[in-house]
Protein backbone atom coordinates (compact mmCIF):
# COMPACT_ATOMS: atom_id res chain seq x y z
CA LEU A 1 99.14 126.86 60.82
CA VAL A 2 101.46 123.84 60.80
CA GLN A 3 99.33 121.71 58.46
CA PRO A 4 100.68 118.29 59.54
CA LYS A 5 100.20 115.29 57.27
CA PHE A 6 99.86 112.90 60.21
CA ILE A 7 99.41 113.28 63.97
CA PHE A 8 100.60 110.79 66.59
CA PHE A 9 99.37 110.52 70.16
CA ILE A 10 101.11 108.39 72.78
CA LYS A 11 99.58 105.99 75.30
CA TYR A 12 97.10 107.98 77.45
CA GLU A 13 96.78 111.19 75.41
CA PHE A 14 93.13 111.70 74.45
CA TRP A 15 92.04 115.20 73.35
CA TYR A 16 88.53 115.35 71.94
CA HIS A 17 88.65 118.78 70.27
CA TYR A 18 92.13 118.19 68.87
CA LEU A 19 90.98 114.89 67.33
CA ASN A 20 87.75 116.44 66.08
CA GLU A 21 89.62 119.28 64.37
CA ALA A 22 92.12 116.89 62.78
CA GLN A 23 89.25 114.77 61.48
CA SER A 24 87.52 117.79 59.99
CA LEU A 25 90.75 118.65 58.16
CA ASN A 26 91.21 115.04 56.98
CA ILE A 27 94.50 114.66 58.88
CA PRO A 28 95.01 111.02 59.91
CA THR A 29 95.64 110.52 63.63
CA PHE A 30 97.31 107.51 65.26
CA LEU A 31 97.53 106.33 68.85
CA ILE A 32 100.77 104.53 69.75
CA ALA A 33 101.71 102.25 72.68
CA ALA A 34 98.19 102.51 74.11
CA ILE A 35 96.99 100.26 76.89
CA PHE A 36 93.40 99.86 77.99
CA ARG A 37 91.80 98.55 81.19
CA LYS A 38 88.16 97.75 81.84
CA GLU A 39 87.82 100.44 84.54
CA GLN A 40 88.54 103.25 82.05
CA LEU A 41 85.74 105.58 80.97
CA PHE A 42 85.66 104.20 77.42
CA PHE A 43 84.02 101.04 78.74
CA LYS A 44 81.45 102.64 81.05
CA PRO A 45 77.75 103.04 80.11
CA TYR A 46 78.22 106.83 80.38
CA GLY A 47 81.44 106.88 78.33
CA LYS A 48 79.95 107.65 74.91
CA ILE A 49 81.98 110.81 74.29
CA PHE A 50 85.17 108.96 75.18
CA ARG A 51 84.32 106.14 72.78
CA LYS A 52 83.82 108.75 70.08
CA MET A 53 87.43 109.83 70.53
CA LEU A 54 88.65 106.31 69.81
CA GLN A 55 86.57 106.21 66.63
CA LYS A 56 88.40 109.27 65.33
CA PHE A 57 91.81 107.56 65.23
CA LYS A 58 92.77 106.11 61.87
CA HIS A 59 94.62 103.35 63.71
CA ILE A 60 95.43 102.40 67.30
CA PHE A 61 98.58 100.48 68.23
CA VAL A 62 98.20 98.78 71.61
CA GLN A 63 100.62 97.03 73.96
CA ASN A 64 98.74 93.78 74.51
CA LYS A 65 95.94 91.50 73.34
CA ALA A 66 93.80 92.32 76.38
CA SER A 67 93.51 95.89 75.06
CA ILE A 68 92.40 94.61 71.65
CA HIS A 69 89.70 92.49 73.30
CA LEU A 70 88.37 95.46 75.27
CA LEU A 71 88.28 97.70 72.20
CA GLN A 72 86.50 95.09 70.11
CA GLN A 73 83.76 94.95 72.74
CA ILE A 74 82.95 98.59 71.97
CA ASN A 75 83.31 98.07 68.22
CA ILE A 76 86.73 99.65 67.78
CA GLN A 77 88.33 97.50 65.08
CA GLN A 78 91.23 99.59 63.69
CA VAL A 79 93.68 98.11 66.21
CA THR A 80 97.05 96.32 66.12
CA ASP A 81 98.98 94.69 68.96
CA SER A 82 102.46 96.11 68.38
CA GLY A 83 103.88 95.99 71.91
CA ASP A 84 105.41 98.74 74.03
CA THR A 85 107.90 101.12 72.40
CA ARG A 86 109.52 101.74 75.80
CA PHE A 87 111.30 98.39 75.48
CA ASP A 88 112.99 99.72 72.34
CA SER A 89 113.93 102.94 74.14
CA VAL A 90 115.63 101.22 77.07
CA GLN A 91 117.44 98.77 74.81
CA GLU A 92 118.78 101.73 72.87
CA ILE A 93 119.96 103.32 76.14
CA ARG A 94 121.74 100.09 77.00
CA MET A 95 123.45 99.90 73.61
CA GLN A 96 124.57 103.54 73.70
CA VAL A 97 125.44 103.90 77.39
CA VAL A 98 128.83 105.42 78.14
CA PRO A 99 131.04 104.73 81.18
CA ILE A 100 130.94 107.07 84.18
CA PRO A 101 134.46 106.93 85.66
CA LEU A 102 133.44 108.43 89.00
CA ILE A 103 130.80 105.72 89.50
CA GLU A 104 133.31 103.02 88.56
CA LYS A 105 135.66 104.40 91.18
CA PHE A 106 132.86 104.45 93.77
CA LYS A 107 131.69 100.91 93.09
CA LEU A 108 135.02 99.13 92.58
CA ALA A 109 134.16 95.42 92.89
CA THR A 110 131.47 95.91 95.52
CA PRO A 111 127.83 94.84 95.02
CA LEU A 112 125.72 97.91 94.33
CA LEU A 113 122.07 98.72 94.96
CA VAL A 114 120.81 101.66 92.88
CA ILE A 115 117.74 103.31 94.38
CA GLY A 116 116.08 105.22 91.56
CA SER A 117 113.43 107.94 91.70
CA SER A 118 112.96 107.49 95.43
CA TRP A 119 110.38 109.28 97.55
CA PRO A 120 110.57 109.61 101.36
CA GLU A 121 108.10 106.70 101.61
CA ASP A 122 110.56 104.48 99.74
CA ILE A 123 113.52 105.60 101.83
CA ALA A 124 111.60 104.78 105.01
CA VAL A 125 111.38 101.16 103.84
CA LEU A 126 115.06 100.97 102.82
CA LEU A 127 116.63 102.94 105.65
CA PRO A 128 116.86 100.18 108.28
CA TYR A 129 118.73 97.94 105.86
CA ILE A 130 121.03 100.73 104.64
CA ASN A 131 121.95 101.75 108.17
CA GLN A 132 122.16 98.34 109.80
CA THR A 133 123.43 95.85 107.25
CA GLU A 134 126.92 94.47 107.70
CA ASN A 135 126.94 93.00 104.21
CA LYS A 136 129.51 94.23 101.73
CA ILE A 137 127.35 96.51 99.61
CA LYS A 138 127.19 100.12 98.44
CA PHE A 139 124.19 102.30 97.68
CA ILE A 140 123.45 104.96 95.10
CA ILE A 141 120.32 107.00 95.81
CA ALA A 142 118.74 109.10 93.05
CA PRO A 143 115.88 111.02 94.74
CA HIS A 144 112.83 111.93 92.73
CA GLU A 145 112.91 115.43 94.19
CA ILE A 146 116.23 117.23 93.76
CA ASN A 147 116.28 120.12 96.20
CA GLU A 148 118.54 121.16 99.04
CA HIS A 149 116.01 120.60 101.80
CA ALA A 150 115.13 117.06 100.69
CA ILE A 151 118.75 116.03 100.19
CA ASN A 152 119.83 117.45 103.56
CA ALA A 153 117.01 115.57 105.26
CA LEU A 154 118.07 112.36 103.52
CA GLN A 155 121.72 112.77 104.49
CA GLN A 156 120.82 113.26 108.15
CA LYS A 157 118.97 109.91 108.22
CA ILE A 158 121.88 107.84 106.92
CA TRP A 159 124.53 106.70 109.39
CA LYS A 160 127.09 105.39 106.94
CA PRO A 161 129.77 107.44 105.10
CA ILE A 162 127.81 109.43 102.53
CA ILE A 163 128.74 111.85 99.74
CA ARG A 164 126.87 113.81 97.09
CA PHE A 165 127.79 113.34 93.45
CA SER A 166 128.39 117.08 93.08
CA GLY A 167 131.13 116.92 95.70
CA ALA A 168 132.59 113.53 94.84
CA ALA A 169 135.25 114.55 92.34
CA SER A 170 137.47 116.14 94.98
CA VAL A 171 137.44 113.26 97.49
CA ALA A 172 138.40 109.58 97.67
CA ILE A 173 134.94 108.46 96.60
CA GLN A 174 135.81 104.77 97.01
CA ASN A 175 135.86 105.27 100.80
CA PHE A 176 132.16 106.17 100.91
CA GLU A 177 129.31 103.67 101.13
CA VAL A 178 126.39 105.83 100.04
CA LEU A 179 126.32 108.19 97.05
CA ILE A 180 123.46 110.65 96.52
CA ILE A 181 122.81 111.80 92.97
CA ASP A 182 121.98 115.49 93.25
CA ASN A 183 121.40 116.14 89.55
CA ILE A 184 118.91 115.17 86.87
CA GLY A 185 119.53 112.92 83.87
CA MET A 186 122.03 110.33 85.15
CA LEU A 187 119.74 107.62 86.46
CA ALA A 188 119.27 105.51 83.32
CA ALA A 189 123.05 105.28 82.83
CA LEU A 190 123.69 104.47 86.50
CA TYR A 191 121.91 101.14 86.18
CA GLN A 192 124.80 99.77 84.10
CA TYR A 193 126.72 99.44 87.38
CA ALA A 194 123.87 98.06 89.52
CA ASP A 195 123.62 94.53 90.83
CA PHE A 196 120.21 95.30 92.34
CA ALA A 197 117.66 98.05 91.80
CA TYR A 198 114.92 99.56 93.91
CA VAL A 199 112.58 101.81 91.90
CA GLY A 200 110.47 104.33 93.76
CA GLY A 201 107.02 105.79 93.30
CA ALA A 202 104.75 102.83 94.06
CA PHE A 203 104.17 104.08 97.61
CA LYS A 204 103.35 107.51 96.15
CA GLN A 205 101.56 108.37 92.90
CA GLY A 206 102.73 105.41 90.83
CA LEU A 207 105.74 103.23 90.06
CA HIS A 208 108.52 104.86 88.06
CA ASN A 209 110.35 103.25 85.14
CA ILE A 210 111.51 99.72 85.98
CA LEU A 211 112.47 98.92 82.38
CA GLU A 212 115.58 101.09 82.71
CA PRO A 213 117.19 98.75 85.26
CA ALA A 214 115.58 95.66 83.72
CA THR A 215 117.39 96.09 80.42
CA PHE A 216 120.73 95.73 82.22
CA GLY A 217 119.54 92.57 84.00
CA MET A 218 119.13 92.51 87.80
CA PRO A 219 116.64 91.78 90.59
CA ILE A 220 114.23 94.71 90.97
CA PHE A 221 112.33 95.84 94.06
CA PHE A 222 109.52 98.38 94.50
CA GLY A 223 106.60 99.20 96.77
CA ASN A 224 103.49 97.02 96.79
CA LYS A 225 100.91 99.78 96.26
CA LYS A 226 100.58 101.47 92.86
CA TYR A 227 102.32 99.15 90.43
CA ASP A 228 99.63 96.85 89.01
CA SER A 229 98.72 99.21 86.15
CA PHE A 230 102.21 98.60 84.74
CA PRO A 231 102.22 95.29 82.80
CA GLU A 232 106.00 94.98 82.97
CA ALA A 233 105.90 95.08 86.77
CA CYS A 234 103.29 92.32 86.89
CA ASP A 235 105.18 90.26 84.29
CA LEU A 236 108.48 90.49 86.16
CA ILE A 237 106.84 89.62 89.48
CA GLU A 238 105.25 86.57 87.85
CA GLN A 239 108.63 85.51 86.48
CA GLY A 240 110.30 85.89 89.88
CA CYS A 241 112.50 88.78 88.73
CA ALA A 242 110.80 91.65 90.60
CA PHE A 243 109.45 91.93 94.12
CA ALA A 244 106.67 94.14 95.50
CA ILE A 245 107.77 95.14 99.00
CA THR A 246 105.32 95.78 101.85
CA ASP A 247 107.60 97.24 104.53
CA ALA A 248 111.17 97.45 105.86
CA GLU A 249 111.15 93.95 107.36
CA HIS A 250 109.88 92.44 104.11
CA PHE A 251 112.58 94.22 102.12
CA GLN A 252 115.39 93.08 104.40
CA LYS A 253 114.22 89.47 104.26
CA LYS A 254 113.69 89.29 100.48
CA PHE A 255 116.78 91.29 99.59
CA SER A 256 118.99 89.20 101.89
CA GLU A 257 117.70 85.96 100.36
CA ILE A 258 118.85 87.05 96.92
CA TYR A 259 122.02 88.82 98.03
CA GLU A 260 123.27 85.73 99.83
CA ASN A 261 122.62 83.35 96.92
CA LEU A 262 124.78 84.31 93.95
CA SER A 263 123.34 81.62 91.67
CA ILE A 264 119.78 82.90 92.22
CA GLN A 265 120.95 86.48 91.69
CA LYS A 266 122.59 85.59 88.37
CA ALA A 267 119.56 83.61 87.21
CA ILE A 268 117.24 86.53 87.96
CA ALA A 269 119.58 88.96 86.17
CA GLN A 270 119.57 86.80 83.03
CA LYS A 271 115.79 86.37 83.05
CA THR A 272 115.21 90.10 83.52
CA ALA A 273 117.45 91.11 80.63
CA HIS A 274 115.91 88.36 78.49
CA TYR A 275 112.41 89.66 79.23
CA VAL A 276 113.29 93.10 77.88
CA ALA A 277 115.07 91.70 74.83
CA CYS A 278 112.10 89.49 73.96
CA ASN A 279 109.69 92.42 74.06
CA THR A 280 111.61 94.79 71.78
CA GLY A 281 110.57 95.49 68.21
CA ALA A 282 107.42 97.57 68.74
CA THR A 283 108.81 100.54 66.81
CA GLU A 284 109.62 98.37 63.81
CA LYS A 285 106.15 96.80 63.85
CA ILE A 286 104.47 100.21 64.01
CA MET A 287 106.55 101.66 61.18
CA ALA A 288 105.89 98.61 58.99
CA HIS A 289 102.15 98.82 59.61
CA LEU A 290 102.05 102.57 58.95
CA LYS A 291 103.35 101.94 55.45
CA ILE A 292 100.23 99.85 54.87
CA VAL A 293 97.54 101.97 56.52
CA VAL A 294 98.77 105.43 55.50
């Protein structure tokens, strides 16, 4: 009905019948920002039907050379290492971010830890520090689940002066130490004010986006469970810019080490922002290559 000239799939989207139909209609299909690991079905002895899907793409743009090596082992040759387009997306957010006056008023000149996409498992690790620290620091918590029950439960666990964003306009927000974001869509812009970030999800179903805080440059913390399938998390850990946290005691120790040493904090912030900047350009590479292969 639509009769597209080209079809693009992103990262992990593999649909056999869709690809088969496109091939039968001679519509070129492309896979963008893909990443492959040896445990995937494509590389299993019983993965023939999955390998057939890869053969149907006119071209595959992958995030790293390891993916190219894996694909070449199963005779998939129409591959280019273009990098990850998410780096371009977060850099664009950084360039286009607009001030949020209420957050500026809340932060003032105080160090700020933004806790993004947090689950209860993440809060359990952070709570002792939030409640007990005597350091000069404020906290913004953006829960992954925005509902009244979850936010009420969170508020009851925090001992310090706490306010929701929805009720902050009518109070002296600078007098509060903890701000809960009870809406959707603000998180990426909030990181412009952060000095530190904790990104949730690794204790749950998988780490959420750490590139959003990374582009603004800061130390980043997350759980030590489900993060190793995200190359950027592994890269930043290797570079000493991100830290996989095991429990509350580990977080307090590691966070305090960085908080109390401003020179280390600044060095990490610069390295983190530099990492994102050095990995941008995937979109441009893909568009340039498409002009050749199309």
